[in-house]
C-alpha atoms as a PDB file:
ATOM      1  CA  UNK A   1     157.710  57.473  56.131  1.00  0.00           C
ATOM      2  CA  UNK A   2     155.125  55.520  54.188  1.00  0.00           C
ATOM      3  CA  UNK A   3     156.555  53.980  51.034  1.00  0.00           C
ATOM      4  CA  UNK A   4     155.124  52.812  47.761  1.00  0.00           C
ATOM      5  CA  UNK A   5     154.653  49.095  47.183  1.00  0.00           C
ATOM      6  CA  UNK A   6     157.436  47.486  45.141  1.00  0.00           C
ATOM      7  CA  UNK A   7     156.744  45.545  41.988  1.00  0.00           C
ATOM      8  CA  UNK A   8     157.644  41.880  42.490  1.00  0.00           C
ATOM      9  CA  UNK A   9     155.933  40.190  39.598  1.00  0.00           C
ATOM     10  CA  UNK A  10     157.923  36.982  40.027  1.00  0.00           C
ATOM     11  CA  UNK A  11     156.846  36.296  43.610  1.00  0.00           C
ATOM     12  CA  UNK A  12     154.569  33.407  44.455  1.00  0.00           C
ATOM     13  CA  UNK A  13     151.028  34.742  44.620  1.00  0.00           C
ATOM     14  CA  UNK A  14     149.281  34.791  47.974  1.00  0.00           C
ATOM     15  CA  UNK A  15     146.556  32.144  48.299  1.00  0.00           C
ATOM     16  CA  UNK A  16     143.629  33.336  50.480  1.00  0.00           C
ATOM     17  CA  UNK A  17     142.579  29.765  51.227  1.00  0.00           C
ATOM     18  CA  UNK A  18     145.738  29.352  53.318  1.00  0.00           C
ATOM     19  CA  UNK A  19     144.261  31.825  55.817  1.00  0.00           C
ATOM     20  CA  UNK A  20     141.906  31.065  58.688  1.00  0.00           C
ATOM     21  CA  UNK A  21     139.968  34.009  60.116  1.00  0.00           C
ATOM     22  CA  UNK A  22     139.590  34.068  63.896  1.00  0.00           C
ATOM     23  CA  UNK A  23     136.683  35.982  65.439  1.00  0.00           C
ATOM     24  CA  UNK A  24     136.195  36.331  69.191  1.00  0.00           C
ATOM     25  CA  UNK A  25     132.630  37.071  70.310  1.00  0.00           C
ATOM     26  CA  UNK A  26     131.096  38.165  73.593  1.00  0.00           C
ATOM     27  CA  UNK A  27     127.414  39.080  73.581  1.00  0.00           C
ATOM     28  CA  UNK A  28     127.531  40.188  69.932  1.00  0.00           C
ATOM     29  CA  UNK A  29     124.834  42.037  68.020  1.00  0.00           C
ATOM     30  CA  UNK A  30     123.330  39.178  65.932  1.00  0.00           C
ATOM     31  CA  UNK A  31     122.734  41.216  62.765  1.00  0.00           C
ATOM     32  CA  UNK A  32     126.192  42.786  62.854  1.00  0.00           C
ATOM     33  CA  UNK A  33     127.882  39.438  63.486  1.00  0.00           C
ATOM     34  CA  UNK A  34     126.115  37.985  60.470  1.00  0.00           C
ATOM     35  CA  UNK A  35     127.414  40.904  58.419  1.00  0.00           C
ATOM     36  CA  UNK A  36     130.953  40.434  59.757  1.00  0.00           C
ATOM     37  CA  UNK A  37     130.976  36.712  58.940  1.00  0.00           C
ATOM     38  CA  UNK A  38     129.445  37.239  55.496  1.00  0.00           C
ATOM     39  CA  UNK A  39     132.172  39.757  54.711  1.00  0.00           C
ATOM     40  CA  UNK A  40     135.061  37.482  55.629  1.00  0.00           C
ATOM     41  CA  UNK A  41     133.941  33.931  54.861  1.00  0.00           C
ATOM     42  CA  UNK A  42     134.387  34.333  51.091  1.00  0.00           C
ATOM     43  CA  UNK A  43     137.871  35.836  51.547  1.00  0.00           C
ATOM     44  CA  UNK A  44     139.505  33.020  53.556  1.00  0.00           C
ATOM     45  CA  UNK A  45     139.713  29.252  53.723  1.00  0.00           C
ATOM     46  CA  UNK A  46     137.835  28.910  57.013  1.00  0.00           C
ATOM     47  CA  UNK A  47     136.486  30.945  59.931  1.00  0.00           C
ATOM     48  CA  UNK A  48     136.889  29.921  63.576  1.00  0.00           C
ATOM     49  CA  UNK A  49     134.597  31.756  65.974  1.00  0.00           C
ATOM     50  CA  UNK A  50     135.455  31.557  69.664  1.00  0.00           C
ATOM     51  CA  UNK A  51     132.423  32.545  71.711  1.00  0.00           C
ATOM     52  CA  UNK A  52     133.487  33.799  75.123  1.00  0.00           C
ATOM     53  CA  UNK A  53     130.527  32.687  77.216  1.00  0.00           C
ATOM     54  CA  UNK A  54     127.742  34.662  75.530  1.00  0.00           C
ATOM     55  CA  UNK A  55     124.416  34.015  77.227  1.00  0.00           C
ATOM     56  CA  UNK A  56     121.861  36.177  75.456  1.00  0.00           C
ATOM     57  CA  UNK A  57     123.012  35.155  71.964  1.00  0.00           C
ATOM     58  CA  UNK A  58     123.262  31.621  70.595  1.00  0.00           C
ATOM     59  CA  UNK A  59     126.321  32.207  68.423  1.00  0.00           C
ATOM     60  CA  UNK A  60     126.619  28.593  67.274  1.00  0.00           C
ATOM     61  CA  UNK A  61     122.973  28.510  66.229  1.00  0.00           C
ATOM     62  CA  UNK A  62     123.240  31.910  64.560  1.00  0.00           C
ATOM     63  CA  UNK A  63     126.112  30.767  62.341  1.00  0.00           C
ATOM     64  CA  UNK A  64     124.952  27.195  61.746  1.00  0.00           C
ATOM     65  CA  UNK A  65     124.169  27.923  58.103  1.00  0.00           C
ATOM     66  CA  UNK A  66     127.821  28.635  57.201  1.00  0.00           C
ATOM     67  CA  UNK A  67     129.625  25.459  56.148  1.00  0.00           C
ATOM     68  CA  UNK A  68     133.046  27.149  56.357  1.00  0.00           C
ATOM     69  CA  UNK A  69     132.530  28.380  59.919  1.00  0.00           C
ATOM     70  CA  UNK A  70     133.240  26.429  63.098  1.00  0.00           C
ATOM     71  CA  UNK A  71     132.347  27.684  66.567  1.00  0.00           C
ATOM     72  CA  UNK A  72     134.244  27.012  69.788  1.00  0.00           C
ATOM     73  CA  UNK A  73     131.750  27.693  72.572  1.00  0.00           C
ATOM     74  CA  UNK A  74     133.283  28.476  75.955  1.00  0.00           C
ATOM     75  CA  UNK A  75     130.928  28.140  78.954  1.00  0.00           C
ATOM     76  CA  UNK A  76     132.559  31.218  80.522  1.00  0.00           C
ATOM     77  CA  UNK A  77     134.513  34.310  79.567  1.00  0.00           C
ATOM     78  CA  UNK A  78     138.146  33.202  79.521  1.00  0.00           C
ATOM     79  CA  UNK A  79     139.398  36.549  78.229  1.00  0.00           C
ATOM     80  CA  UNK A  80     140.439  37.808  74.830  1.00  0.00           C
ATOM     81  CA  UNK A  81     143.989  36.481  75.011  1.00  0.00           C
ATOM     82  CA  UNK A  82     142.960  32.908  75.809  1.00  0.00           C
ATOM     83  CA  UNK A  83     140.197  33.015  73.190  1.00  0.00           C
ATOM     84  CA  UNK A  84     142.620  34.121  70.471  1.00  0.00           C
ATOM     85  CA  UNK A  85     145.143  31.483  71.470  1.00  0.00           C
ATOM     86  CA  UNK A  86     142.628  28.611  71.456  1.00  0.00           C
ATOM     87  CA  UNK A  87     141.279  29.679  68.060  1.00  0.00           C
ATOM     88  CA  UNK A  88     144.793  30.021  66.605  1.00  0.00           C
ATOM     89  CA  UNK A  89     145.631  26.565  67.922  1.00  0.00           C
ATOM     90  CA  UNK A  90     142.587  25.252  66.043  1.00  0.00           C
ATOM     91  CA  UNK A  91     143.741  27.003  62.857  1.00  0.00           C
ATOM     92  CA  UNK A  92     147.217  25.501  63.243  1.00  0.00           C
ATOM     93  CA  UNK A  93     145.785  22.015  63.755  1.00  0.00           C
ATOM     94  CA  UNK A  94     143.712  22.452  60.585  1.00  0.00           C
ATOM     95  CA  UNK A  95     146.875  23.139  58.580  1.00  0.00           C
ATOM     96  CA  UNK A  96     146.487  26.834  57.778  1.00  0.00           C
ATOM     97  CA  UNK A  97     149.516  29.059  57.182  1.00  0.00           C
ATOM     98  CA  UNK A  98     148.074  32.392  58.294  1.00  0.00           C
ATOM     99  CA  UNK A  99     145.501  33.700  60.743  1.00  0.00           C
ATOM    100  CA  UNK A 100     143.411  36.834  60.354  1.00  0.00           C
ATOM    101  CA  UNK A 101     142.447  38.122  63.797  1.00  0.00           C
ATOM    102  CA  UNK A 102     139.085  39.889  64.017  1.00  0.00           C
ATOM    103  CA  UNK A 103     136.741  41.537  66.490  1.00  0.00           C
ATOM    104  CA  UNK A 104     133.015  40.844  66.360  1.00  0.00           C
ATOM    105  CA  UNK A 105     132.236  44.304  64.910  1.00  0.00           C
ATOM    106  CA  UNK A 106     134.900  44.502  62.172  1.00  0.00           C
ATOM    107  CA  UNK A 107     133.491  44.611  58.646  1.00  0.00           C
ATOM    108  CA  UNK A 108     136.024  43.919  55.901  1.00  0.00           C
ATOM    109  CA  UNK A 109     136.081  45.652  52.561  1.00  0.00           C
ATOM    110  CA  UNK A 110     135.926  43.391  49.505  1.00  0.00           C
ATOM    111  CA  UNK A 111     139.339  41.893  48.732  1.00  0.00           C
ATOM    112  CA  UNK A 112     140.943  43.045  51.990  1.00  0.00           C
ATOM    113  CA  UNK A 113     142.522  39.683  52.831  1.00  0.00           C
ATOM    114  CA  UNK A 114     144.051  39.275  49.368  1.00  0.00           C
ATOM    115  CA  UNK A 115     145.437  42.819  49.525  1.00  0.00           C
ATOM    116  CA  UNK A 116     147.000  42.128  52.924  1.00  0.00           C
ATOM    117  CA  UNK A 117     148.360  38.767  51.840  1.00  0.00           C
ATOM    118  CA  UNK A 118     149.908  40.091  48.635  1.00  0.00           C
ATOM    119  CA  UNK A 119     151.655  42.815  50.615  1.00  0.00           C
ATOM    120  CA  UNK A 120     152.822  40.279  53.193  1.00  0.00           C
ATOM    121  CA  UNK A 121     154.420  38.037  50.556  1.00  0.00           C
ATOM    122  CA  UNK A 122     156.258  40.990  49.012  1.00  0.00           C
ATOM    123  CA  UNK A 123     157.420  42.389  52.349  1.00  0.00           C
ATOM    124  CA  UNK A 124     158.728  38.982  53.396  1.00  0.00           C
ATOM    125  CA  UNK A 125     161.311  39.243  50.611  1.00  0.00           C
ATOM    126  CA  UNK A 126     163.042  41.958  52.659  1.00  0.00           C
ATOM    127  CA  UNK A 127     162.895  40.447  56.145  1.00  0.00           C
ATOM    128  CA  UNK A 128     160.739  38.641  58.657  1.00  0.00           C
ATOM    129  CA  UNK A 129     157.269  40.120  59.078  1.00  0.00           C
ATOM    130  CA  UNK A 130     155.219  39.663  62.241  1.00  0.00           C
ATOM    131  CA  UNK A 131     151.960  41.010  60.844  1.00  0.00           C
ATOM    132  CA  UNK A 132     150.327  43.305  58.342  1.00  0.00           C
ATOM    133  CA  UNK A 133     147.134  45.193  59.071  1.00  0.00           C
ATOM    134  CA  UNK A 134     144.511  47.250  57.241  1.00  0.00           C
ATOM    135  CA  UNK A 135     143.711  50.924  57.547  1.00  0.00           C
ATOM    136  CA  UNK A 136     140.330  51.174  59.231  1.00  0.00           C
ATOM    137  CA  UNK A 137     137.640  53.809  59.475  1.00  0.00           C
ATOM    138  CA  UNK A 138     135.722  54.295  62.667  1.00  0.00           C
ATOM    139  CA  UNK A 139     132.250  52.952  61.955  1.00  0.00           C
ATOM    140  CA  UNK A 140     130.720  55.841  63.959  1.00  0.00           C
ATOM    141  CA  UNK A 141     132.652  58.905  62.850  1.00  0.00           C
ATOM    142  CA  UNK A 142     134.000  57.833  59.495  1.00  0.00           C
ATOM    143  CA  UNK A 143     137.469  59.026  60.569  1.00  0.00           C
ATOM    144  CA  UNK A 144     140.428  57.194  59.040  1.00  0.00           C
ATOM    145  CA  UNK A 145     142.652  55.761  61.775  1.00  0.00           C
ATOM    146  CA  UNK A 146     146.407  56.335  61.474  1.00  0.00           C
ATOM    147  CA  UNK A 147     149.247  53.890  61.820  1.00  0.00           C
ATOM    148  CA  UNK A 148     151.557  54.678  64.723  1.00  0.00           C
ATOM    149  CA  UNK A 149     155.281  55.033  65.254  1.00  0.00           C
ATOM    150  CA  UNK A 150     156.335  55.658  68.814  1.00  0.00           C
ATOM    151  CA  UNK A 151     158.060  58.923  69.627  1.00  0.00           C
ATOM    152  CA  UNK A 152     158.591  61.457  72.356  1.00  0.00           C
ATOM    153  CA  UNK A 153     156.880  63.615  73.401  1.00  0.00           C
ATOM    154  CA  UNK A 154     154.275  62.498  70.845  1.00  0.00           C
ATOM    155  CA  UNK A 155     153.742  59.484  68.641  1.00  0.00           C
ATOM    156  CA  UNK A 156     153.895  59.936  64.874  1.00  0.00           C
ATOM    157  CA  UNK A 157     150.530  59.233  63.257  1.00  0.00           C
ATOM    158  CA  UNK A 158     150.791  58.193  59.604  1.00  0.00           C
ATOM    159  CA  UNK A 159     147.783  57.757  57.338  1.00  0.00           C
ATOM    160  CA  UNK A 160     149.609  57.156  54.079  1.00  0.00           C
ATOM    161  CA  UNK A 161     147.770  56.961  50.792  1.00  0.00           C
ATOM    162  CA  UNK A 162     146.795  54.676  47.933  1.00  0.00           C
ATOM    163  CA  UNK A 163     149.399  52.020  47.211  1.00  0.00           C
ATOM    164  CA  UNK A 164     151.467  52.769  50.289  1.00  0.00           C
ATOM    165  CA  UNK A 165     152.709  50.558  53.102  1.00  0.00           C
ATOM    166  CA  UNK A 166     153.626  52.052  56.442  1.00  0.00           C
ATOM    167  CA  UNK A 167     156.283  50.544  58.681  1.00  0.00           C
ATOM    168  CA  UNK A 168     154.828  50.936  62.169  1.00  0.00           C
ATOM    169  CA  UNK A 169     155.334  49.970  65.807  1.00  0.00           C
ATOM    170  CA  UNK A 170     151.840  48.768  66.581  1.00  0.00           C
ATOM    171  CA  UNK A 171     148.819  47.147  64.928  1.00  0.00           C
ATOM    172  CA  UNK A 172     145.455  46.623  66.577  1.00  0.00           C
ATOM    173  CA  UNK A 173     144.356  43.017  66.912  1.00  0.00           C
ATOM    174  CA  UNK A 174     141.418  43.236  64.548  1.00  0.00           C
ATOM    175  CA  UNK A 175     142.401  42.912  60.912  1.00  0.00           C
ATOM    176  CA  UNK A 176     145.947  41.712  61.595  1.00  0.00           C
ATOM    177  CA  UNK A 177     147.133  39.030  59.190  1.00  0.00           C
ATOM    178  CA  UNK A 178     149.798  36.936  60.925  1.00  0.00           C
ATOM    179  CA  UNK A 179     151.892  34.090  59.506  1.00  0.00           C
ATOM    180  CA  UNK A 180     151.620  31.208  61.921  1.00  0.00           C
ATOM    181  CA  UNK A 181     155.403  30.774  61.742  1.00  0.00           C
ATOM    182  CA  UNK A 182     155.735  34.308  63.152  1.00  0.00           C
ATOM    183  CA  UNK A 183     153.188  33.583  65.871  1.00  0.00           C
ATOM    184  CA  UNK A 184     155.158  30.493  66.881  1.00  0.00           C
ATOM    185  CA  UNK A 185     158.402  32.461  67.041  1.00  0.00           C
ATOM    186  CA  UNK A 186     157.028  35.466  68.958  1.00  0.00           C
ATOM    187  CA  UNK A 187     154.762  33.431  71.180  1.00  0.00           C
ATOM    188  CA  UNK A 188     151.020  33.459  71.882  1.00  0.00           C
ATOM    189  CA  UNK A 189     148.955  36.328  73.210  1.00  0.00           C
ATOM    190  CA  UNK A 190     149.451  37.013  76.920  1.00  0.00           C
ATOM    191  CA  UNK A 191     146.396  35.422  78.508  1.00  0.00           C
ATOM    192  CA  UNK A 192     147.173  36.982  81.898  1.00  0.00           C
ATOM    193  CA  UNK A 193     146.347  40.446  80.532  1.00  0.00           C
ATOM    194  CA  UNK A 194     142.810  39.108  79.910  1.00  0.00           C
ATOM    195  CA  UNK A 195     141.572  41.862  77.577  1.00  0.00           C
ATOM    196  CA  UNK A 196     143.259  45.258  77.124  1.00  0.00           C
ATOM    197  CA  UNK A 197     146.731  45.938  75.681  1.00  0.00           C
ATOM    198  CA  UNK A 198     147.138  42.340  74.509  1.00  0.00           C
ATOM    199  CA  UNK A 199     147.920  43.541  70.986  1.00  0.00           C
ATOM    200  CA  UNK A 200     150.348  46.157  72.322  1.00  0.00           C
ATOM    201  CA  UNK A 201     152.251  43.526  74.309  1.00  0.00           C
ATOM    202  CA  UNK A 202     152.462  41.159  71.333  1.00  0.00           C
ATOM    203  CA  UNK A 203     153.697  43.926  69.025  1.00  0.00           C
ATOM    204  CA  UNK A 204     156.359  44.905  71.565  1.00  0.00           C
ATOM    205  CA  UNK A 205     157.603  41.309  71.629  1.00  0.00           C
ATOM    206  CA  UNK A 206     157.514  41.092  67.829  1.00  0.00           C
ATOM    207  CA  UNK A 207     159.647  44.197  67.382  1.00  0.00           C
ATOM    208  CA  UNK A 208     162.047  43.103  70.129  1.00  0.00           C
ATOM    209  CA  UNK A 209     162.524  39.803  68.246  1.00  0.00           C
ATOM    210  CA  UNK A 210     163.470  41.722  65.095  1.00  0.00           C
ATOM    211  CA  UNK A 211     160.271  41.202  63.106  1.00  0.00           C
ATOM    212  CA  UNK A 212     158.476  44.073  61.380  1.00  0.00           C
ATOM    213  CA  UNK A 213     154.901  45.379  61.380  1.00  0.00           C
ATOM    214  CA  UNK A 214     153.288  47.100  58.428  1.00  0.00           C
ATOM    215  CA  UNK A 215     150.067  48.980  57.794  1.00  0.00           C
ATOM    216  CA  UNK A 216     148.648  48.423  54.311  1.00  0.00           C
ATOM    217  CA  UNK A 217     146.764  51.491  53.133  1.00  0.00           C
ATOM    218  CA  UNK A 218     144.933  49.733  50.283  1.00  0.00           C
ATOM    219  CA  UNK A 219     143.422  47.215  52.732  1.00  0.00           C
ATOM    220  CA  UNK A 220     140.260  48.698  54.245  1.00  0.00           C
ATOM    221  CA  UNK A 221     138.027  47.805  57.189  1.00  0.00           C
ATOM    222  CA  UNK A 222     135.250  49.391  59.271  1.00  0.00           C
ATOM    223  CA  UNK A 223     135.828  49.066  63.001  1.00  0.00           C
ATOM    224  CA  UNK A 224     135.061  50.798  66.299  1.00  0.00           C
ATOM    225  CA  UNK A 225     137.256  51.084  69.396  1.00  0.00           C
ATOM    226  CA  UNK A 226     135.528  51.531  72.751  1.00  0.00           C
ATOM    227  CA  UNK A 227     131.825  51.651  73.469  1.00  0.00           C
ATOM    228  CA  UNK A 228     131.346  55.328  72.660  1.00  0.00           C
ATOM    229  CA  UNK A 229     133.079  58.118  70.765  1.00  0.00           C
ATOM    230  CA  UNK A 230     132.716  61.685  72.059  1.00  0.00           C
ATOM    231  CA  UNK A 231     133.392  64.755  69.942  1.00  0.00           C
ATOM    232  CA  UNK A 232     136.381  66.785  71.123  1.00  0.00           C
ATOM    233  CA  UNK A 233     137.821  70.197  70.324  1.00  0.00           C
ATOM    234  CA  UNK A 234     141.276  68.903  71.229  1.00  0.00           C
ATOM    235  CA  UNK A 235     141.349  65.505  69.458  1.00  0.00           C
ATOM    236  CA  UNK A 236     140.303  65.402  65.825  1.00  0.00           C
ATOM    237  CA  UNK A 237     139.514  61.685  66.074  1.00  0.00           C
ATOM    238  CA  UNK A 238     137.294  62.200  69.139  1.00  0.00           C
ATOM    239  CA  UNK A 239     137.612  60.765  72.639  1.00  0.00           C
ATOM    240  CA  UNK A 240     137.155  57.016  73.051  1.00  0.00           C
ATOM    241  CA  UNK A 241     134.995  56.093  76.054  1.00  0.00           C
ATOM    242  CA  UNK A 242     135.022  52.628  77.621  1.00  0.00           C
ATOM    243  CA  UNK A 243     132.688  51.039  80.130  1.00  0.00           C
ATOM    244  CA  UNK A 244     133.806  51.581  83.740  1.00  0.00           C
ATOM    245  CA  UNK A 245     134.978  47.991  84.327  1.00  0.00           C
ATOM    246  CA  UNK A 246     137.303  48.194  81.293  1.00  0.00           C
ATOM    247  CA  UNK A 247     139.201  50.972  83.025  1.00  0.00           C
ATOM    248  CA  UNK A 248     140.470  48.416  85.546  1.00  0.00           C
ATOM    249  CA  UNK A 249     142.248  46.515  82.755  1.00  0.00           C
ATOM    250  CA  UNK A 250     143.360  49.640  80.900  1.00  0.00           C
ATOM    251  CA  UNK A 251     145.084  51.013  83.990  1.00  0.00           C
ATOM    252  CA  UNK A 252     146.407  47.722  85.366  1.00  0.00           C
ATOM    253  CA  UNK A 253     147.746  46.360  82.106  1.00  0.00           C
ATOM    254  CA  UNK A 254     149.523  49.592  81.189  1.00  0.00           C
ATOM    255  CA  UNK A 255     151.360  49.493  84.507  1.00  0.00           C
ATOM    256  CA  UNK A 256     152.192  45.823  83.925  1.00  0.00           C
ATOM    257  CA  UNK A 257     153.641  46.703  80.515  1.00  0.00           C
ATOM    258  CA  UNK A 258     155.746  49.479  82.049  1.00  0.00           C
ATOM    259  CA  UNK A 259     157.440  46.769  84.138  1.00  0.00           C
ATOM    260  CA  UNK A 260     158.420  44.513  81.205  1.00  0.00           C
ATOM    261  CA  UNK A 261     161.959  44.567  79.819  1.00  0.00           C
ATOM    262  CA  UNK A 262     160.876  44.470  76.170  1.00  0.00           C
ATOM    263  CA  UNK A 263     158.494  47.438  76.407  1.00  0.00           C
ATOM    264  CA  UNK A 264     160.043  50.401  74.517  1.00  0.00           C
ATOM    265  CA  UNK A 265     161.119  53.108  76.936  1.00  0.00           C
ATOM    266  CA  UNK A 266     160.025  55.791  74.488  1.00  0.00           C
ATOM    267  CA  UNK A 267     156.486  54.403  74.642  1.00  0.00           C
ATOM    268  CA  UNK A 268     156.506  54.432  78.450  1.00  0.00           C
ATOM    269  CA  UNK A 269     157.733  58.035  78.492  1.00  0.00           C
ATOM    270  CA  UNK A 270     154.932  59.332  76.283  1.00  0.00           C
ATOM    271  CA  UNK A 271     152.251  56.996  77.641  1.00  0.00           C
ATOM    272  CA  UNK A 272     152.558  57.990  81.299  1.00  0.00           C
ATOM    273  CA  UNK A 273     151.088  61.479  80.669  1.00  0.00           C
ATOM    274  CA  UNK A 274     148.298  59.848  78.632  1.00  0.00           C
ATOM    275  CA  UNK A 275     147.494  57.551  81.556  1.00  0.00           C
ATOM    276  CA  UNK A 276     147.265  60.569  83.871  1.00  0.00           C
ATOM    277  CA  UNK A 277     144.979  62.426  81.443  1.00  0.00           C
ATOM    278  CA  UNK A 278     142.765  59.357  81.077  1.00  0.00           C
ATOM    279  CA  UNK A 279     142.543  59.017  84.842  1.00  0.00           C
ATOM    280  CA  UNK A 280     141.593  62.680  85.329  1.00  0.00           C
ATOM    281  CA  UNK A 281     139.150  62.718  82.422  1.00  0.00           C
ATOM    282  CA  UNK A 282     137.265  59.631  83.587  1.00  0.00           C
ATOM    283  CA  UNK A 283     137.272  60.700  87.242  1.00  0.00           C
ATOM    284  CA  UNK A 284     136.020  64.233  86.628  1.00  0.00           C
ATOM    285  CA  UNK A 285     134.206  64.585  83.331  1.00  0.00           C
ATOM    286  CA  UNK A 286     132.361  61.377  82.432  1.00  0.00           C
ATOM    287  CA  UNK A 287     129.175  59.817  83.863  1.00  0.00           C
ATOM    288  CA  UNK A 288     129.504  57.259  86.694  1.00  0.00           C
ATOM    289  CA  UNK A 289     132.598  59.119  87.908  1.00  0.00           C
ATOM    290  CA  UNK A 290     132.796  57.326  91.260  1.00  0.00           C
ATOM    291  CA  UNK A 291     132.509  53.900  89.656  1.00  0.00           C
ATOM    292  CA  UNK A 292     135.180  54.815  87.129  1.00  0.00           C
ATOM    293  CA  UNK A 293     137.469  56.092  89.872  1.00  0.00           C
ATOM    294  CA  UNK A 294     137.118  52.879  91.890  1.00  0.00           C
ATOM    295  CA  UNK A 295     137.955  50.652  88.907  1.00  0.00           C
ATOM    296  CA  UNK A 296     140.937  52.811  87.921  1.00  0.00           C
ATOM    297  CA  UNK A 297     142.374  52.859  91.436  1.00  0.00           C
ATOM    298  CA  UNK A 298     142.035  49.080  91.758  1.00  0.00           C
ATOM    299  CA  UNK A 299     143.707  48.648  88.381  1.00  0.00           C
ATOM    300  CA  UNK A 300     146.643  50.885  89.276  1.00  0.00           C
ATOM    301  CA  UNK A 301     147.061  49.106  92.608  1.00  0.00           C
ATOM    302  CA  UNK A 302     147.054  45.647  91.048  1.00  0.00           C
ATOM    303  CA  UNK A 303     149.427  46.784  88.303  1.00  0.00           C
ATOM    304  CA  UNK A 304     151.935  48.006  90.876  1.00  0.00           C
ATOM    305  CA  UNK A 305     151.545  44.728  92.782  1.00  0.00           C
ATOM    306  CA  UNK A 306     152.025  42.714  89.587  1.00  0.00           C
ATOM    307  CA  UNK A 307     148.619  41.064  89.661  1.00  0.00           C
ATOM    308  CA  UNK A 308     147.039  39.816  86.445  1.00  0.00           C
ATOM    309  CA  UNK A 309     144.138  37.660  85.244  1.00  0.00           C
ATOM    310  CA  UNK A 310     140.436  38.428  85.082  1.00  0.00           C
ATOM    311  CA  UNK A 311     138.445  41.050  86.941  1.00  0.00           C
ATOM    312  CA  UNK A 312     138.863  40.446  90.709  1.00  0.00           C
ATOM    313  CA  UNK A 313     135.735  39.706  92.715  1.00  0.00           C
END
């Protein structure tokens, strides 16, 4: 259950300047990226942008006017996991204590980082914390996303309320505030997964190591998952639609996670039916059905064979 925040007036106050925001970009919308950076740069000590081989957008030139922003420009797409790891290594070398992981379309509410950091400091009085994350609204539908606890046959979805903190089993990458000491203990993001389920894998490892994850309801962010959101009579939050090539990673990486000893068995049990439904839905009811089917079949095959890395040629 979500619980109210405790009053720890004697704790050392969180200092936002000890945090480095990390943003990974890949062909971003220039206007939206400017908005994202403007919303975070005043809330942290520095921003590291890792550009994953964008060609149509000059990210470094676009952000040249921000003194507190540095850009790591990769000549090719090395994947989300590698991009996050290189940027976090830069933050560590610069002496920061925390990293705030962000996607290129995540717009922070005013004071979000301070709210997360204050909660983190208080929660650390009761045990080791891997990460805290905000409650986000889908930028398209306005729906408030829940925090998740794994269960069978269904996950528990908790939205909490003002002043509450939700102990959870998973946080999405974007918006997660992570102490660098926790990152060093748990280990870096799995670069072999390349893009999808990287956050899921890291959260599994964090929980297995005995660290906790918490959703902070007072911390707010606008964010979108997937390229499109379709209305649904069955799912209140709508159906998330990804580009066909992403289905390769979604299918492959889920199968790879099923094979790992630290993956919770309860998650595997309730995720397998979801994988089947996703396969059927994409193969029968969405545009480019044949293309989707081909990518999904290749992903399932490579997952069973234990293959990882980028998209095969």
